[in-house]
C-alpha cells in the first residue's frame, strides 16, 4: 500500500438502485449518489444480503487530503456464512494520483 496523499478510507455497503445492473467501478462520489439507493457504513456485524432481490456491493471510498498517490492491492475481507468462514482478497489493484 502507498498513501502519499494522506488519504482516508471508508467502507460502505451500497444497495444498488433497482434499475441498475452490474458492478460498480471506479469513480467519484457522484457515482455513489447515482447508483446507491442506500449507503451504510461497514461495521463488524454488517450483514451483506446476497440472497434476495436486493443487489448489495461493498464500496471503498478513498478521500485524499493533499496531492499524491494512493495505491492498494485489493482488500482482505474476513467473512462467515453458515458453517463457512474465511478471509480472501477482494477488489483489484488500485492506483489514484491526485492533484497537479
N, C-alpha and C. Protein backbone atom coordinates (compact mmCIF):
# COMPACT_ATOMS: atom_id res chain seq x y z
N UNK A 1 0.84 -1.17 0.00
CA UNK A 1 0.00 0.00 0.00
C UNK A 1 0.89 1.24 0.00
N UNK A 2 0.42 2.26 -0.70
CA UNK A 2 1.11 3.54 -0.75
C UNK A 2 0.07 4.63 -0.51
N UNK A 3 0.43 5.63 0.28
CA UNK A 3 -0.53 6.69 0.59
C UNK A 3 0.19 8.01 0.84
N UNK A 4 0.74 8.61 -0.22
CA UNK A 4 1.41 9.89 -0.08
C UNK A 4 0.40 11.05 -0.14
N UNK A 5 -0.87 10.76 -0.38
CA UNK A 5 -1.92 11.78 -0.44
C UNK A 5 -2.62 11.94 0.90
N UNK A 6 -2.11 11.29 1.93
CA UNK A 6 -2.73 11.35 3.27
C UNK A 6 -4.23 11.07 3.18
N UNK A 7 -4.57 10.02 2.44
CA UNK A 7 -5.97 9.67 2.19
C UNK A 7 -6.57 8.91 3.36
N UNK A 8 -7.88 9.05 3.51
CA UNK A 8 -8.64 8.24 4.45
C UNK A 8 -9.46 7.23 3.65
N UNK A 9 -9.81 6.14 4.30
CA UNK A 9 -10.54 5.06 3.64
C UNK A 9 -11.79 4.75 4.45
N UNK A 10 -12.92 4.61 3.77
CA UNK A 10 -14.17 4.25 4.43
C UNK A 10 -14.86 3.19 3.59
N UNK A 11 -15.40 2.19 4.26
CA UNK A 11 -16.09 1.10 3.58
C UNK A 11 -17.59 1.24 3.80
N UNK A 12 -18.37 0.97 2.75
CA UNK A 12 -19.82 1.04 2.81
C UNK A 12 -20.43 -0.17 2.13
N UNK A 13 -21.66 -0.49 2.52
CA UNK A 13 -22.48 -1.42 1.77
C UNK A 13 -23.42 -0.56 0.94
N UNK A 14 -23.33 -0.72 -0.36
CA UNK A 14 -24.17 0.03 -1.29
C UNK A 14 -25.31 -0.88 -1.75
N UNK A 15 -26.54 -0.46 -1.49
CA UNK A 15 -27.70 -1.16 -2.05
C UNK A 15 -28.00 -0.47 -3.37
N UNK A 16 -27.76 -1.18 -4.45
CA UNK A 16 -27.83 -0.61 -5.79
C UNK A 16 -29.27 -0.31 -6.18
N UNK A 17 -29.45 0.83 -6.85
CA UNK A 17 -30.78 1.21 -7.35
C UNK A 17 -31.36 0.04 -8.16
N UNK A 18 -32.65 -0.26 -7.98
CA UNK A 18 -33.24 -1.44 -8.63
C UNK A 18 -33.08 -1.49 -10.15
N UNK A 19 -33.07 -0.34 -10.82
CA UNK A 19 -32.97 -0.35 -12.29
C UNK A 19 -31.53 -0.52 -12.78
N UNK A 20 -30.57 -0.52 -11.88
CA UNK A 20 -29.15 -0.67 -12.26
C UNK A 20 -28.77 -2.14 -12.28
N UNK A 21 -27.84 -2.49 -13.15
CA UNK A 21 -27.30 -3.85 -13.17
C UNK A 21 -25.78 -3.76 -13.24
N UNK A 22 -25.13 -4.84 -12.90
CA UNK A 22 -23.68 -4.89 -12.98
C UNK A 22 -23.02 -4.39 -11.71
N UNK A 23 -21.72 -4.34 -11.76
CA UNK A 23 -20.93 -3.95 -10.59
C UNK A 23 -20.51 -2.50 -10.70
N UNK A 24 -20.28 -1.90 -9.54
CA UNK A 24 -19.72 -0.55 -9.52
C UNK A 24 -18.28 -0.62 -9.97
N UNK A 25 -17.82 0.44 -10.55
CA UNK A 25 -16.42 0.52 -10.96
C UNK A 25 -15.72 1.59 -10.15
N UNK A 26 -14.78 2.24 -10.76
CA UNK A 26 -14.05 3.32 -10.12
C UNK A 26 -14.68 4.63 -10.56
N UNK A 27 -14.91 5.52 -9.61
CA UNK A 27 -15.49 6.81 -9.94
C UNK A 27 -15.46 7.73 -8.75
N UNK A 28 -16.03 8.89 -8.91
CA UNK A 28 -16.07 9.88 -7.84
C UNK A 28 -17.26 9.67 -6.93
N UNK A 29 -17.41 10.58 -5.97
CA UNK A 29 -18.52 10.50 -5.02
C UNK A 29 -19.87 10.50 -5.72
N UNK A 30 -19.94 11.15 -6.87
CA UNK A 30 -21.22 11.23 -7.59
C UNK A 30 -21.74 9.86 -8.00
N UNK A 31 -20.84 8.91 -8.25
CA UNK A 31 -21.30 7.57 -8.63
C UNK A 31 -22.06 6.92 -7.48
N UNK A 32 -21.67 7.20 -6.24
CA UNK A 32 -22.39 6.65 -5.09
C UNK A 32 -23.80 7.21 -5.02
N UNK A 33 -23.94 8.50 -5.25
CA UNK A 33 -25.27 9.12 -5.21
C UNK A 33 -26.13 8.63 -6.36
N UNK A 34 -25.52 8.40 -7.52
CA UNK A 34 -26.28 7.96 -8.69
C UNK A 34 -26.67 6.50 -8.64
N UNK A 35 -25.83 5.67 -8.05
CA UNK A 35 -26.01 4.22 -8.13
C UNK A 35 -26.61 3.62 -6.85
N UNK A 36 -26.26 4.17 -5.70
CA UNK A 36 -26.67 3.58 -4.43
C UNK A 36 -27.98 4.17 -3.92
N UNK A 37 -28.99 3.32 -3.78
CA UNK A 37 -30.24 3.76 -3.17
C UNK A 37 -30.03 3.95 -1.67
N UNK A 38 -29.11 3.18 -1.11
CA UNK A 38 -28.79 3.27 0.31
C UNK A 38 -27.30 2.99 0.47
N UNK A 39 -26.66 3.73 1.36
CA UNK A 39 -25.23 3.54 1.63
C UNK A 39 -25.05 3.46 3.13
N UNK A 40 -24.63 2.28 3.62
CA UNK A 40 -24.49 2.04 5.05
C UNK A 40 -23.03 1.80 5.39
N UNK A 41 -22.49 2.52 6.39
CA UNK A 41 -21.10 2.27 6.79
C UNK A 41 -20.91 0.82 7.22
N UNK A 42 -19.78 0.24 6.84
CA UNK A 42 -19.46 -1.14 7.18
C UNK A 42 -19.06 -1.22 8.65
N UNK A 43 -19.57 -2.22 9.35
CA UNK A 43 -19.24 -2.47 10.75
C UNK A 43 -18.93 -3.96 10.91
N UNK A 44 -18.39 -4.34 12.07
CA UNK A 44 -18.04 -5.74 12.29
C UNK A 44 -19.23 -6.68 12.16
N UNK A 45 -20.44 -6.20 12.47
CA UNK A 45 -21.61 -7.07 12.42
C UNK A 45 -22.47 -6.85 11.18
N UNK A 46 -21.91 -6.22 10.16
CA UNK A 46 -22.66 -5.95 8.93
C UNK A 46 -23.03 -7.26 8.24
N UNK A 47 -24.26 -7.34 7.78
CA UNK A 47 -24.73 -8.49 7.01
C UNK A 47 -24.95 -8.03 5.57
N UNK A 48 -24.28 -8.69 4.66
CA UNK A 48 -24.43 -8.39 3.23
C UNK A 48 -25.49 -9.33 2.68
N UNK A 49 -26.56 -8.76 2.15
CA UNK A 49 -27.68 -9.55 1.64
C UNK A 49 -27.39 -9.95 0.20
N UNK A 50 -27.03 -11.22 0.01
CA UNK A 50 -26.72 -11.70 -1.34
C UNK A 50 -27.78 -12.67 -1.87
N UNK A 51 -28.79 -12.94 -1.06
CA UNK A 51 -29.75 -13.96 -1.46
C UNK A 51 -31.15 -13.44 -1.76
N UNK A 52 -31.30 -12.15 -1.95
CA UNK A 52 -32.63 -11.62 -2.24
C UNK A 52 -32.59 -10.84 -3.55
N UNK A 53 -33.64 -10.09 -3.79
CA UNK A 53 -33.69 -9.28 -5.00
C UNK A 53 -32.85 -8.01 -4.87
N UNK A 54 -32.43 -7.69 -3.64
CA UNK A 54 -31.55 -6.54 -3.47
C UNK A 54 -30.18 -6.86 -4.03
N UNK A 55 -29.55 -5.88 -4.63
CA UNK A 55 -28.18 -6.04 -5.08
C UNK A 55 -27.31 -5.17 -4.18
N UNK A 56 -26.50 -5.83 -3.35
CA UNK A 56 -25.63 -5.10 -2.44
C UNK A 56 -24.18 -5.37 -2.79
N UNK A 57 -23.36 -4.32 -2.70
CA UNK A 57 -21.95 -4.41 -3.01
C UNK A 57 -21.15 -3.66 -1.96
N UNK A 58 -19.93 -4.13 -1.72
CA UNK A 58 -19.03 -3.41 -0.84
C UNK A 58 -18.35 -2.31 -1.64
N UNK A 59 -18.24 -1.13 -1.03
CA UNK A 59 -17.65 0.02 -1.69
C UNK A 59 -16.55 0.59 -0.80
N UNK A 60 -15.43 0.92 -1.39
CA UNK A 60 -14.34 1.59 -0.70
C UNK A 60 -14.31 3.03 -1.17
N UNK A 61 -14.48 3.97 -0.25
CA UNK A 61 -14.42 5.39 -0.57
C UNK A 61 -13.06 5.91 -0.11
N UNK A 62 -12.28 6.43 -1.05
CA UNK A 62 -10.95 6.97 -0.77
C UNK A 62 -11.04 8.49 -0.87
N UNK A 63 -10.62 9.18 0.18
CA UNK A 63 -10.65 10.64 0.20
C UNK A 63 -9.24 11.16 0.45
N UNK A 64 -8.66 11.78 -0.57
CA UNK A 64 -7.31 12.32 -0.45
C UNK A 64 -7.37 13.72 0.17
N UNK A 65 -6.40 14.03 1.02
CA UNK A 65 -6.39 15.36 1.64
C UNK A 65 -5.27 16.26 1.10
N UNK A 66 -4.46 15.72 0.18
CA UNK A 66 -3.44 16.54 -0.48
C UNK A 66 -3.00 15.80 -1.75
N UNK A 67 -2.31 16.50 -2.65
CA UNK A 67 -1.82 15.83 -3.86
C UNK A 67 -0.88 14.68 -3.51
N UNK A 68 -0.96 13.62 -4.27
CA UNK A 68 -0.10 12.47 -4.04
C UNK A 68 -0.64 11.24 -4.72
N UNK A 69 -0.20 10.08 -4.26
CA UNK A 69 -0.59 8.80 -4.85
C UNK A 69 -1.19 7.91 -3.76
N UNK A 70 -2.27 7.24 -4.12
CA UNK A 70 -2.88 6.23 -3.25
C UNK A 70 -2.88 4.93 -4.04
N UNK A 71 -2.34 3.87 -3.45
CA UNK A 71 -2.30 2.57 -4.13
C UNK A 71 -2.66 1.48 -3.14
N UNK A 72 -3.55 0.60 -3.55
CA UNK A 72 -3.90 -0.57 -2.75
C UNK A 72 -3.76 -1.81 -3.62
N UNK A 73 -3.60 -2.94 -2.96
CA UNK A 73 -3.51 -4.23 -3.65
C UNK A 73 -4.74 -5.07 -3.33
N UNK A 74 -5.92 -4.45 -3.41
CA UNK A 74 -7.13 -5.13 -3.00
C UNK A 74 -7.31 -5.00 -1.50
N UNK A 75 -8.31 -5.67 -0.98
CA UNK A 75 -8.66 -5.59 0.44
C UNK A 75 -8.90 -7.00 0.94
N UNK A 76 -8.40 -7.32 2.14
CA UNK A 76 -8.66 -8.62 2.74
C UNK A 76 -10.00 -8.56 3.46
N UNK A 77 -10.92 -9.40 3.06
CA UNK A 77 -12.26 -9.46 3.65
C UNK A 77 -12.39 -10.76 4.43
N UNK A 78 -12.73 -10.64 5.71
CA UNK A 78 -12.99 -11.81 6.55
C UNK A 78 -14.50 -11.97 6.64
N UNK A 79 -14.99 -13.17 6.43
CA UNK A 79 -16.43 -13.40 6.35
C UNK A 79 -16.82 -14.70 7.04
N UNK A 80 -18.11 -14.80 7.31
CA UNK A 80 -18.70 -16.07 7.73
C UNK A 80 -20.06 -16.18 7.07
N UNK A 81 -20.39 -17.39 6.67
CA UNK A 81 -21.68 -17.68 6.03
C UNK A 81 -22.04 -19.11 6.39
N UNK A 82 -23.01 -19.25 7.26
CA UNK A 82 -23.34 -20.60 7.73
C UNK A 82 -22.13 -21.19 8.44
N UNK A 83 -21.68 -22.35 7.98
CA UNK A 83 -20.52 -23.01 8.58
C UNK A 83 -19.21 -22.60 7.92
N UNK A 84 -19.28 -21.79 6.87
CA UNK A 84 -18.07 -21.36 6.18
C UNK A 84 -17.53 -20.07 6.79
N UNK A 85 -16.23 -20.05 6.98
CA UNK A 85 -15.54 -18.86 7.45
C UNK A 85 -14.23 -18.76 6.69
N UNK A 86 -13.81 -17.53 6.44
CA UNK A 86 -12.54 -17.39 5.73
C UNK A 86 -12.17 -15.94 5.53
N UNK A 87 -11.02 -15.77 4.92
CA UNK A 87 -10.53 -14.45 4.53
C UNK A 87 -10.04 -14.57 3.10
N UNK A 88 -10.41 -13.60 2.28
CA UNK A 88 -9.92 -13.58 0.92
C UNK A 88 -9.71 -12.15 0.47
N UNK A 89 -8.80 -11.97 -0.46
CA UNK A 89 -8.55 -10.65 -1.02
C UNK A 89 -9.59 -10.38 -2.09
N UNK A 90 -10.25 -9.23 -1.96
CA UNK A 90 -11.27 -8.85 -2.94
C UNK A 90 -10.86 -7.52 -3.57
N UNK A 91 -11.50 -7.19 -4.64
CA UNK A 91 -11.20 -5.94 -5.32
C UNK A 91 -9.99 -6.11 -6.22
N UNK A 92 -9.57 -5.00 -6.72
CA UNK A 92 -8.48 -5.00 -7.68
C UNK A 92 -7.36 -4.10 -7.19
N UNK A 93 -6.22 -4.20 -7.84
CA UNK A 93 -5.16 -3.24 -7.54
C UNK A 93 -5.66 -1.87 -7.99
N UNK A 94 -5.47 -0.88 -7.17
CA UNK A 94 -5.98 0.46 -7.43
C UNK A 94 -4.85 1.46 -7.25
N UNK A 95 -4.70 2.35 -8.19
CA UNK A 95 -3.71 3.43 -8.08
C UNK A 95 -4.39 4.73 -8.51
N UNK A 96 -4.38 5.71 -7.63
CA UNK A 96 -5.01 7.00 -7.88
C UNK A 96 -3.96 8.08 -7.65
N UNK A 97 -3.82 8.97 -8.63
CA UNK A 97 -2.92 10.11 -8.48
C UNK A 97 -3.80 11.34 -8.35
N UNK A 98 -3.57 12.14 -7.29
CA UNK A 98 -4.37 13.32 -7.05
C UNK A 98 -3.53 14.57 -7.20
N UNK A 99 -4.20 15.66 -7.48
CA UNK A 99 -3.51 16.96 -7.55
C UNK A 99 -2.84 17.20 -8.89
N UNK A 100 -2.00 18.23 -8.94
CA UNK A 100 -1.36 18.63 -10.20
C UNK A 100 -0.33 17.65 -10.69
